[in-house]
C-alpha atoms as a PDB file:
ATOM      1  CA  UNK A   1      21.932   1.338  -0.330  1.00  0.00           C
ATOM      2  CA  UNK A   2      18.513  -0.148   0.298  1.00  0.00           C
ATOM      3  CA  UNK A   3      19.102  -3.070   0.573  1.00  0.00           C
ATOM      4  CA  UNK A   4      15.318  -4.393   0.810  1.00  0.00           C
ATOM      5  CA  UNK A   5      12.853  -4.895  -2.643  1.00  0.00           C
ATOM      6  CA  UNK A   6       9.779  -3.008  -1.872  1.00  0.00           C
ATOM      7  CA  UNK A   7       9.589   0.373   0.491  1.00  0.00           C
ATOM      8  CA  UNK A   8       9.401   0.391   4.204  1.00  0.00           C
ATOM      9  CA  UNK A   9       7.566   2.162   6.928  1.00  0.00           C
ATOM     10  CA  UNK A  10       8.942   1.558  10.620  1.00  0.00           C
ATOM     11  CA  UNK A  11       6.173   3.308  13.011  1.00  0.00           C
ATOM     12  CA  UNK A  12       7.683   3.608  17.027  1.00  0.00           C
ATOM     13  CA  UNK A  13       5.073   3.582  19.149  1.00  0.00           C
ATOM     14  CA  UNK A  14       4.867   4.933  22.939  1.00  0.00           C
ATOM     15  CA  UNK A  15       6.979   1.515  23.943  1.00  0.00           C
ATOM     16  CA  UNK A  16      10.721   2.353  23.519  1.00  0.00           C
ATOM     17  CA  UNK A  17      10.881  -0.679  22.619  1.00  0.00           C
ATOM     18  CA  UNK A  18       8.056  -2.112  20.160  1.00  0.00           C
ATOM     19  CA  UNK A  19       7.610  -1.143  16.789  1.00  0.00           C
ATOM     20  CA  UNK A  20       5.634  -1.806  13.667  1.00  0.00           C
ATOM     21  CA  UNK A  21       6.424  -1.924   9.945  1.00  0.00           C
ATOM     22  CA  UNK A  22       4.828  -2.871   6.495  1.00  0.00           C
ATOM     23  CA  UNK A  23       5.569  -2.567   3.341  1.00  0.00           C
ATOM     24  CA  UNK A  24       3.244  -0.164   0.748  1.00  0.00           C
ATOM     25  CA  UNK A  25       4.031  -1.947  -2.158  1.00  0.00           C
ATOM     26  CA  UNK A  26       3.911  -5.559  -0.445  1.00  0.00           C
ATOM     27  CA  UNK A  27      -0.296  -6.059   0.700  1.00  0.00           C
ATOM     28  CA  UNK A  28      -0.328  -8.254   3.366  1.00  0.00           C
ATOM     29  CA  UNK A  29       3.538  -7.568   4.282  1.00  0.00           C
ATOM     30  CA  UNK A  30       3.671  -5.872   7.960  1.00  0.00           C
ATOM     31  CA  UNK A  31       5.741  -7.368  11.333  1.00  0.00           C
ATOM     32  CA  UNK A  32       7.213  -5.972  14.737  1.00  0.00           C
ATOM     33  CA  UNK A  33      10.921  -5.231  15.883  1.00  0.00           C
ATOM     34  CA  UNK A  34      12.461  -4.115  18.839  1.00  0.00           C
ATOM     35  CA  UNK A  35      14.299  -1.656  17.278  1.00  0.00           C
ATOM     36  CA  UNK A  36      14.971  -0.040  14.041  1.00  0.00           C
ATOM     37  CA  UNK A  37      17.810  -1.600  12.933  1.00  0.00           C
ATOM     38  CA  UNK A  38      16.190  -5.375  14.183  1.00  0.00           C
ATOM     39  CA  UNK A  39      12.842  -4.372  11.514  1.00  0.00           C
ATOM     40  CA  UNK A  40      14.920  -3.651   8.611  1.00  0.00           C
ATOM     41  CA  UNK A  41      16.445  -7.321   9.225  1.00  0.00           C
ATOM     42  CA  UNK A  42      13.190  -8.571   9.842  1.00  0.00           C
ATOM     43  CA  UNK A  43      11.857  -6.954   7.328  1.00  0.00           C
ATOM     44  CA  UNK A  44      14.910  -7.811   4.440  1.00  0.00           C
ATOM     45  CA  UNK A  45      14.250 -12.048   5.651  1.00  0.00           C
ATOM     46  CA  UNK A  46       9.824 -11.628   5.835  1.00  0.00           C
ATOM     47  CA  UNK A  47      10.072  -9.906   2.601  1.00  0.00           C
ATOM     48  CA  UNK A  48      11.595 -12.667   0.561  1.00  0.00           C
ATOM     49  CA  UNK A  49       9.622 -15.306   2.975  1.00  0.00           C
ATOM     50  CA  UNK A  50       6.102 -13.145   1.697  1.00  0.00           C
ATOM     51  CA  UNK A  51       7.078 -13.062  -1.869  1.00  0.00           C
ATOM     52  CA  UNK A  52       8.111 -16.919  -1.945  1.00  0.00           C
ATOM     53  CA  UNK A  53       4.731 -17.694  -0.097  1.00  0.00           C
ATOM     54  CA  UNK A  54       2.778 -15.328  -2.585  1.00  0.00           C
ATOM     55  CA  UNK A  55       4.391 -17.433  -5.331  1.00  0.00           C
ATOM     56  CA  UNK A  56       3.467 -20.475  -4.035  1.00  0.00           C
ATOM     57  CA  UNK A  57      -0.060 -20.326  -4.027  1.00  0.00           C
ATOM     58  CA  UNK A  58      -0.434 -19.476  -7.118  1.00  0.00           C
ATOM     59  CA  UNK A  59      -0.643 -15.136  -5.740  1.00  0.00           C
ATOM     60  CA  UNK A  60       0.185 -12.323  -7.863  1.00  0.00           C
ATOM     61  CA  UNK A  61       3.228 -10.909  -6.991  1.00  0.00           C
ATOM     62  CA  UNK A  62       4.121  -6.955  -7.547  1.00  0.00           C
ATOM     63  CA  UNK A  63       6.679  -5.557  -9.424  1.00  0.00           C
ATOM     64  CA  UNK A  64       9.716  -4.299  -7.036  1.00  0.00           C
ATOM     65  CA  UNK A  65      10.411  -1.234  -6.459  1.00  0.00           C
ATOM     66  CA  UNK A  66      12.947   0.081  -8.075  1.00  0.00           C
ATOM     67  CA  UNK A  67      13.056   2.966  -5.255  1.00  0.00           C
ATOM     68  CA  UNK A  68      12.418   1.660  -2.143  1.00  0.00           C
ATOM     69  CA  UNK A  69      11.819   4.058   0.761  1.00  0.00           C
ATOM     70  CA  UNK A  70      12.590   3.084   4.139  1.00  0.00           C
ATOM     71  CA  UNK A  71      10.256   6.019   6.094  1.00  0.00           C
ATOM     72  CA  UNK A  72      10.490   6.039  10.224  1.00  0.00           C
ATOM     73  CA  UNK A  73       7.659   7.876  11.863  1.00  0.00           C
ATOM     74  CA  UNK A  74       5.353   7.515  14.979  1.00  0.00           C
ATOM     75  CA  UNK A  75       2.765   4.587  14.915  1.00  0.00           C
ATOM     76  CA  UNK A  76      -0.807   6.560  13.440  1.00  0.00           C
ATOM     77  CA  UNK A  77      -3.534   6.546  15.655  1.00  0.00           C
ATOM     78  CA  UNK A  78      -6.708   4.201  14.795  1.00  0.00           C
ATOM     79  CA  UNK A  79      -9.143   5.947  12.722  1.00  0.00           C
ATOM     80  CA  UNK A  80     -12.610   4.585  13.180  1.00  0.00           C
ATOM     81  CA  UNK A  81     -14.917   3.265  10.574  1.00  0.00           C
END
């Protein structure tokens, strides 16, 4: 069972011990970790804190995802604007 309230995308970089992550369900939420497991741990607690801060600031909180997904992929290349 996925123990997250929102979906998570973890991106591997060229560095073997550096991963970025963000949630497509939770705007403004992102982080980094040194392994997939580290990203999952940081994301779980980071999402809780992020939602808490949104509430404290009176900002809208996205609804929880009833079927969250975790996607692990290679880092996407930056796109020129």
